Amino acid sequence: MENTNYKRKLRKNKALLGLVAIIFLAVFFLGASYKTVIIEVDNRTIEAQTISSEPERILEEQGIQIEEQDRVEASSEDNIKSGERIIVHRGQKIRIIDGGQKSLHYTTWNTVEEILEDLEIELSPKDRLNLDLEDTLTEEDNIEITRVIERSRREQIEVPYSSEVVYVKDLGPEEERIAQPGQTGEKMEIYIDTYENGEVVSSKLQGDALMKNPQDEIIEKGEANYFTTADGSRLRYDRKITMEATAYTAGFESTGKRPGDPAYGVTRSGTRVRPGVVAVDPKVIPLGTKLYVESLDGTRSYGYSTAEDTGGAIKGNRIDLYFENLGAAQRYGRRDVQVYVID
């Protein structure tokens, strides 16, 4: 009987020892698998004791929620070792104005360059940013992209023709005819248009090419009522008058006035006398009329002049020409001239 109790007691002790061994081994291996993982989140640093190896599981154990816009940075996705870190980057709102279009995004990156790369927003070489790529953003900042595009444009331009007047003798006064009709030419102009956000902001001419030469218009006019001046100019006149010309000065010999007299050197029109001023009979030639005085004796013509003065002896077809020098006026004397009333 005692032997039976002994055996029974021995079996119980062995079972107890086995259970203790199992508990010891479980505690040993469990303690050996625990690790310390550093978690950085929301400006906090947490030392987490865990047996888990997956970052998401470890964060879940610590009650740290991860939103869709957040990003978890860890050295491994499924095998975190003791002493390693898990960094939680919270998504922040970023406003982007791209080519004038506004949009709101979440990003876990900080610099402009990182954010654009994260959102897969590409820039062309001519696009402009309101910030530098290295700038760090906050939720108060906007990224504004000005999209710049250059396009070539061709424009066909009409080249105007010139008109040339030819005087002929077989046409009468006021008559004219088209001897050769004018034809416009054509040229191609090449422009570079610059667009910003779809709107043209500048247009620059790059070059042009003449496609068709213009043909000048030739107009033939009658010789009548045109004359050629001493300097070779061709003038149209309304009428011409053969007149007797004399010469005068502003001095006492011609006007009876001396320097100091308020009326000295003042014409009937109220202007100052000067070369080119002539005195006329207003009944024949109105004051203010533009004239050309041509010599008929081969001497130098008086030339372009204006009827601005009158004289007591200047009546009918007589004209008095102003000279600044008394000697020149006396040498001029009296002679016949052809006076053209310029049209």
Protein backbone atom coordinates (compact mmCIF):
# COMPACT_ATOMS: atom_id res chain seq x y z
CA MET A 1 0.00 0.00 0.00
CA GLU A 2 2.81 2.35 0.92
CA ASN A 3 4.57 1.50 -2.29
CA THR A 4 1.52 2.43 -4.29
CA ASN A 5 1.22 5.82 -2.54
CA TYR A 6 4.89 6.46 -3.13
CA LYS A 7 4.57 5.80 -6.83
CA ARG A 8 1.50 8.00 -7.03
CA LYS A 9 3.30 10.82 -5.23
CA LEU A 10 6.32 10.45 -7.48
CA ARG A 11 4.16 10.79 -10.59
CA LYS A 12 2.55 13.94 -9.18
CA ASN A 13 5.94 15.48 -8.42
CA LYS A 14 7.17 14.73 -11.95
CA ALA A 15 4.08 16.33 -13.42
CA LEU A 16 4.58 19.39 -11.25
CA LEU A 17 8.20 19.64 -12.25
CA GLY A 18 7.24 19.35 -15.91
CA LEU A 19 4.69 22.14 -15.54
CA VAL A 20 7.25 24.36 -13.83
CA ALA A 21 9.70 23.64 -16.63
CA ILE A 22 7.14 24.53 -19.25
CA ILE A 23 6.27 27.79 -17.47
CA PHE A 24 9.96 28.61 -17.12
CA LEU A 25 10.65 27.99 -20.76
CA ALA A 26 7.55 30.03 -21.80
CA VAL A 27 8.61 32.97 -19.62
CA PHE A 28 12.18 32.70 -20.91
CA PHE A 29 11.26 32.69 -24.56
CA LEU A 30 8.56 35.35 -24.08
CA GLY A 31 11.03 37.64 -22.34
CA ALA A 32 13.57 36.98 -25.00
CA SER A 33 11.09 38.05 -27.79
CA TYR A 34 10.09 41.40 -26.20
CA LYS A 35 11.71 44.46 -27.84
CA THR A 36 11.82 48.23 -27.37
CA VAL A 37 10.67 50.23 -30.41
CA ILE A 38 10.91 54.06 -30.62
CA ILE A 39 7.80 55.72 -32.04
CA GLU A 40 7.86 59.36 -33.19
CA VAL A 41 4.35 60.77 -33.67
CA ASP A 42 2.60 64.13 -33.16
CA ASN A 43 5.78 65.75 -31.78
CA ARG A 44 6.11 62.97 -29.18
CA THR A 45 8.63 60.16 -28.70
CA ILE A 46 7.28 56.87 -27.27
CA GLU A 47 9.31 53.85 -26.14
CA ALA A 48 7.02 50.90 -26.84
CA GLN A 49 7.59 47.40 -25.39
CA THR A 50 6.26 44.83 -27.83
CA ILE A 51 6.70 41.40 -29.26
CA SER A 52 5.15 42.46 -32.59
CA SER A 53 7.29 42.96 -35.66
CA GLU A 54 4.86 44.79 -37.94
CA PRO A 55 4.81 48.63 -37.66
CA GLU A 56 1.01 48.83 -38.12
CA ARG A 57 0.44 46.27 -35.35
CA ILE A 58 2.81 48.07 -32.99
CA LEU A 59 1.06 51.41 -33.63
CA GLU A 60 -2.30 49.75 -33.08
CA GLU A 61 -1.07 48.36 -29.74
CA GLN A 62 -0.17 51.92 -28.70
CA GLY A 63 -3.57 53.25 -29.74
CA ILE A 64 -2.07 55.41 -32.49
CA GLN A 65 -4.52 55.87 -35.34
CA ILE A 66 -3.24 56.20 -38.89
CA GLU A 67 -5.39 58.11 -41.36
CA GLU A 68 -5.41 57.63 -45.12
CA GLN A 69 -3.39 60.80 -45.68
CA ASP A 70 -0.70 59.83 -43.12
CA ARG A 71 2.59 58.12 -43.97
CA VAL A 72 4.44 55.60 -41.79
CA GLU A 73 8.21 55.44 -42.12
CA ALA A 74 9.93 52.33 -40.75
CA SER A 75 13.10 50.43 -41.48
CA SER A 76 11.10 47.31 -42.33
CA GLU A 77 7.49 46.57 -43.13
CA ASP A 78 7.31 43.26 -41.26
CA ASN A 79 10.43 42.79 -39.15
CA ILE A 80 11.03 45.69 -36.75
CA LYS A 81 13.99 45.04 -34.48
CA SER A 82 14.62 46.33 -31.01
CA GLY A 83 15.94 49.89 -30.92
CA GLU A 84 14.58 50.78 -34.35
CA ARG A 85 12.20 53.66 -35.02
CA ILE A 86 8.75 54.07 -36.44
CA ILE A 87 8.04 57.61 -37.62
CA VAL A 88 4.46 58.73 -38.29
CA HIS A 89 4.17 61.66 -40.71
CA ARG A 90 0.79 63.33 -40.46
CA GLY A 91 -0.77 64.58 -43.70
CA GLN A 92 -1.22 68.35 -43.93
CA LYS A 93 -3.43 70.39 -46.24
CA ILE A 94 -1.67 72.13 -49.10
CA ARG A 95 -3.42 74.52 -51.52
CA ILE A 96 -2.11 74.44 -55.07
CA ILE A 97 -3.00 76.89 -57.84
CA ASP A 98 -1.87 75.21 -61.03
CA GLY A 99 -2.34 77.22 -64.21
CA GLY A 100 -5.10 79.22 -62.53
CA GLN A 101 -6.93 76.10 -61.26
CA LYS A 102 -7.21 75.80 -57.46
CA SER A 103 -7.10 72.43 -55.67
CA LEU A 104 -6.61 71.11 -52.12
CA HIS A 105 -4.28 68.20 -51.36
CA TYR A 106 -2.89 66.30 -48.38
CA THR A 107 0.82 65.62 -48.19
CA THR A 108 3.29 64.34 -45.65
CA TRP A 109 6.25 66.04 -47.32
CA ASN A 110 7.66 69.44 -46.44
CA THR A 111 9.56 71.08 -49.27
CA VAL A 112 8.01 72.34 -52.49
CA GLU A 113 10.06 69.90 -54.56
CA GLU A 114 9.03 66.90 -52.40
CA ILE A 115 5.36 67.91 -52.47
CA LEU A 116 5.27 68.33 -56.26
CA GLU A 117 6.99 64.98 -56.72
CA ASP A 118 4.61 63.30 -54.25
CA LEU A 119 1.57 64.72 -56.09
CA GLU A 120 3.13 63.85 -59.48
CA ILE A 121 2.94 67.46 -60.64
CA GLU A 122 5.52 68.08 -63.36
CA LEU A 123 7.00 71.45 -64.37
CA SER A 124 8.17 72.45 -67.82
CA PRO A 125 11.41 74.46 -68.14
CA LYS A 126 9.56 77.78 -68.62
CA ASP A 127 6.93 77.34 -65.88
CA ARG A 128 7.22 79.66 -62.89
CA LEU A 129 6.73 79.00 -59.17
CA ASN A 130 5.91 81.57 -56.50
CA LEU A 131 8.35 79.75 -54.19
CA ASP A 132 11.75 78.11 -54.45
CA LEU A 133 11.87 74.32 -54.72
CA GLU A 134 13.85 74.16 -51.45
CA ASP A 135 11.27 76.17 -49.46
CA THR A 136 9.48 74.41 -46.58
CA LEU A 137 5.71 74.83 -46.50
CA THR A 138 3.11 75.11 -43.77
CA GLU A 139 -0.67 74.86 -44.05
CA GLU A 140 -0.77 78.64 -44.44
CA ASP A 141 1.22 78.55 -47.67
CA ASN A 142 0.07 78.12 -51.26
CA ILE A 143 2.01 76.70 -54.17
CA GLU A 144 1.21 78.72 -57.27
CA ILE A 145 2.36 77.46 -60.66
CA THR A 146 2.25 79.75 -63.69
CA ARG A 147 2.17 77.58 -66.78
CA VAL A 148 4.22 79.18 -69.58
CA ILE A 149 3.95 77.97 -73.17
CA GLU A 150 5.53 79.41 -76.31
CA ARG A 151 3.90 78.78 -79.69
CA SER A 152 4.98 79.76 -83.18
CA ARG A 153 2.43 81.59 -85.30
CA ARG A 154 2.51 82.56 -88.98
CA GLU A 155 0.62 85.56 -90.24
CA GLN A 156 0.16 86.57 -93.86
CA ILE A 157 0.49 90.35 -94.21
CA GLU A 158 -0.51 92.57 -97.10
CA VAL A 159 2.33 94.78 -98.36
CA PRO A 160 0.93 98.11 -99.63
CA TYR A 161 2.00 99.52 -102.96
CA SER A 162 3.33 103.02 -103.61
CA SER A 163 1.92 105.57 -106.01
CA GLU A 164 4.08 107.46 -108.47
CA VAL A 165 2.86 110.58 -110.28
CA VAL A 166 4.09 111.24 -113.82
CA TYR A 167 3.26 114.50 -115.59
CA VAL A 168 2.37 114.27 -119.25
CA LYS A 169 1.51 116.85 -121.89
CA ASP A 170 -1.40 115.06 -123.52
CA LEU A 171 -3.67 115.65 -120.50
CA GLY A 172 -5.37 118.91 -119.65
CA PRO A 173 -5.61 120.64 -116.24
CA GLU A 174 -7.18 118.47 -113.52
CA GLU A 175 -7.07 115.43 -115.81
CA GLU A 176 -5.36 112.23 -114.72
CA ARG A 177 -5.32 108.55 -115.58
CA ILE A 178 -3.99 105.30 -114.17
CA ALA A 179 -1.13 104.16 -116.40
CA GLN A 180 -0.38 101.15 -114.22
CA PRO A 181 -2.71 99.86 -111.50
CA GLY A 182 -1.15 99.16 -108.14
CA GLN A 183 -1.11 95.66 -106.72
CA THR A 184 -0.44 94.78 -103.11
CA GLY A 185 2.27 92.32 -102.24
CA GLU A 186 2.34 89.63 -99.58
CA LYS A 187 4.76 88.67 -96.87
CA MET A 188 4.76 86.01 -94.21
CA GLU A 189 5.56 87.09 -90.65
CA ILE A 190 6.55 84.56 -88.00
CA TYR A 191 5.70 85.36 -84.38
CA ILE A 192 6.42 83.63 -81.09
CA ASP A 193 3.40 83.99 -78.81
CA THR A 194 3.93 83.50 -75.07
CA TYR A 195 0.98 82.15 -73.08
CA GLU A 196 0.66 82.27 -69.30
CA ASN A 197 -2.10 80.06 -67.92
CA GLY A 198 -3.67 79.96 -71.37
CA GLU A 199 -3.64 83.74 -71.98
CA VAL A 200 -1.37 85.48 -74.50
CA VAL A 201 0.92 87.89 -72.62
CA SER A 202 3.40 88.77 -75.38
CA SER A 203 4.00 88.34 -79.08
CA LYS A 204 7.46 88.73 -80.61
CA LEU A 205 8.26 88.97 -84.31
CA GLN A 206 10.92 86.40 -85.15
CA GLY A 207 11.27 87.12 -88.86
CA ASP A 208 9.47 87.60 -92.14
CA ALA A 209 9.69 86.52 -95.76
CA LEU A 210 8.43 88.39 -98.82
CA MET A 211 6.12 86.10 -100.77
CA LYS A 212 4.98 88.50 -103.49
CA ASN A 213 6.41 91.90 -104.47
CA PRO A 214 3.97 94.84 -104.64
CA GLN A 215 3.47 96.62 -107.98
CA ASP A 216 3.56 100.40 -107.82
CA GLU A 217 0.65 102.43 -109.11
CA ILE A 218 1.56 104.94 -111.84
CA ILE A 219 -0.73 107.96 -112.15
CA GLU A 220 -0.38 110.28 -115.12
CA LYS A 221 -1.43 113.93 -114.65
CA GLY A 222 -1.66 116.86 -117.00
CA GLU A 223 1.29 119.29 -117.19
CA ALA A 224 -0.98 122.32 -116.86
CA ASN A 225 -0.94 124.16 -113.50
CA TYR A 226 2.39 122.66 -112.46
CA PHE A 227 5.78 124.32 -112.56
CA THR A 228 9.30 123.49 -111.53
CA THR A 229 11.04 125.74 -109.00
CA ALA A 230 14.68 126.75 -109.05
CA ASP A 231 15.52 123.97 -106.56
CA GLY A 232 13.87 121.34 -108.76
CA SER A 233 10.66 120.97 -106.77
CA ARG A 234 7.46 120.45 -108.69
CA LEU A 235 4.58 122.57 -107.40
CA ARG A 236 0.95 122.81 -108.27
CA TYR A 237 -0.41 126.35 -108.57
CA ASP A 238 -3.90 127.75 -108.66
CA ARG A 239 -3.04 130.68 -110.95
CA LYS A 240 -0.06 132.70 -112.10
CA ILE A 241 0.21 136.46 -112.48
CA THR A 242 2.86 138.51 -114.25
CA MET A 243 3.59 141.40 -111.87
CA GLU A 244 5.92 144.35 -111.47
CA ALA A 245 8.18 143.77 -108.48
CA THR A 246 9.98 146.27 -106.27
CA ALA A 247 11.93 145.81 -103.03
CA TYR A 248 11.58 147.30 -99.54
CA THR A 249 13.08 147.11 -96.07
CA ALA A 250 11.76 147.79 -92.58
CA GLY A 251 13.72 151.05 -92.47
CA PHE A 252 12.66 154.69 -92.73
CA GLU A 253 13.44 154.84 -96.46
CA SER A 254 10.67 152.31 -97.22
CA THR A 255 8.20 152.60 -94.34
CA GLY A 256 8.82 155.98 -92.73
CA LYS A 257 9.39 154.23 -89.37
CA ARG A 258 12.53 154.00 -87.27
CA PRO A 259 13.64 151.53 -84.61
CA GLY A 260 11.78 152.27 -81.38
CA ASP A 261 8.54 152.94 -83.18
CA PRO A 262 5.99 150.36 -81.96
CA ALA A 263 5.02 149.65 -85.57
CA TYR A 264 8.62 149.27 -86.77
CA GLY A 265 9.10 145.93 -88.57
CA VAL A 266 5.44 144.90 -88.14
CA THR A 267 3.44 143.82 -91.21
CA ARG A 268 -0.17 144.57 -92.01
CA SER A 269 -0.96 141.01 -90.84
CA GLY A 270 0.66 141.74 -87.44
CA THR A 271 3.65 139.51 -88.07
CA ARG A 272 7.33 140.51 -88.04
CA VAL A 273 8.96 141.24 -91.39
CA ARG A 274 11.51 138.66 -92.52
CA PRO A 275 12.86 137.26 -95.79
CA GLY A 276 9.98 135.74 -97.73
CA VAL A 277 7.41 138.36 -96.68
CA VAL A 278 5.89 140.32 -99.56
CA ALA A 279 3.46 143.24 -99.80
CA VAL A 280 0.51 142.91 -102.19
CA ASP A 281 -2.79 144.47 -103.09
CA PRO A 282 -5.28 142.37 -101.07
CA LYS A 283 -7.83 142.84 -103.85
CA VAL A 284 -5.53 140.91 -106.18
CA ILE A 285 -3.88 138.50 -103.75
CA PRO A 286 -5.48 137.93 -100.32
CA LEU A 287 -3.24 138.28 -97.26
CA GLY A 288 -1.93 134.94 -96.04
CA THR A 289 -1.62 133.50 -99.56
CA LYS A 290 1.40 131.25 -100.23
CA LEU A 291 3.34 132.36 -103.32
CA TYR A 292 6.35 131.56 -105.40
CA VAL A 293 8.05 134.55 -107.08
CA GLU A 294 10.02 133.62 -110.21
CA SER A 295 12.35 135.96 -112.07
CA LEU A 296 11.72 136.49 -115.77
CA ASP A 297 15.10 138.05 -116.61
CA GLY A 298 17.29 135.06 -115.71
CA THR A 299 18.40 136.47 -112.35
CA ARG A 300 17.92 134.62 -109.09
CA SER A 301 14.26 134.10 -108.19
CA TYR A 302 12.93 135.51 -104.90
CA GLY A 303 11.31 132.09 -104.32
CA TYR A 304 8.84 130.96 -101.71
CA SER A 305 6.98 133.77 -100.01
CA THR A 306 3.82 134.74 -98.14
CA ALA A 307 1.56 137.73 -98.69
CA GLU A 308 1.55 139.34 -95.24
CA ASP A 309 2.01 143.08 -95.90
CA THR A 310 0.55 145.95 -97.93
CA GLY A 311 1.87 149.29 -99.16
CA GLY A 312 0.41 152.64 -100.25
CA ALA A 313 1.94 152.35 -103.73
CA ILE A 314 1.24 148.60 -104.10
CA LYS A 315 -1.90 148.52 -106.21
CA GLY A 316 -3.08 146.06 -108.85
CA ASN A 317 -0.46 143.73 -110.33
CA ARG A 318 2.40 145.06 -108.22
CA ILE A 319 4.35 143.25 -105.52
CA ASP A 320 6.91 144.50 -103.01
CA LEU A 321 9.58 142.04 -101.84
CA TYR A 322 11.14 142.39 -98.39
CA PHE A 323 14.95 142.52 -98.03
CA GLU A 324 16.82 142.88 -94.77
CA ASN A 325 19.59 144.95 -96.35
CA LEU A 326 18.94 148.40 -97.89
CA GLY A 327 21.73 147.94 -100.43
CA ALA A 328 20.24 144.63 -101.64
CA ALA A 329 16.82 146.24 -101.95
CA GLN A 330 18.26 149.13 -103.98
CA ARG A 331 20.16 146.76 -106.28
CA TYR A 332 16.99 144.76 -106.90
CA GLY A 333 15.29 147.85 -108.25
CA ARG A 334 12.23 147.24 -110.36
CA ARG A 335 11.62 144.24 -112.61
CA ASP A 336 8.90 141.92 -113.94
CA VAL A 337 8.30 138.60 -112.19
CA GLN A 338 6.00 135.61 -112.53
CA VAL A 339 4.00 135.13 -109.31
CA TYR A 340 2.53 131.67 -108.75
CA VAL A 341 -0.33 131.33 -106.28
CA ILE A 342 0.50 127.94 -104.80
CA ASP A 343 -2.42 125.53 -104.48
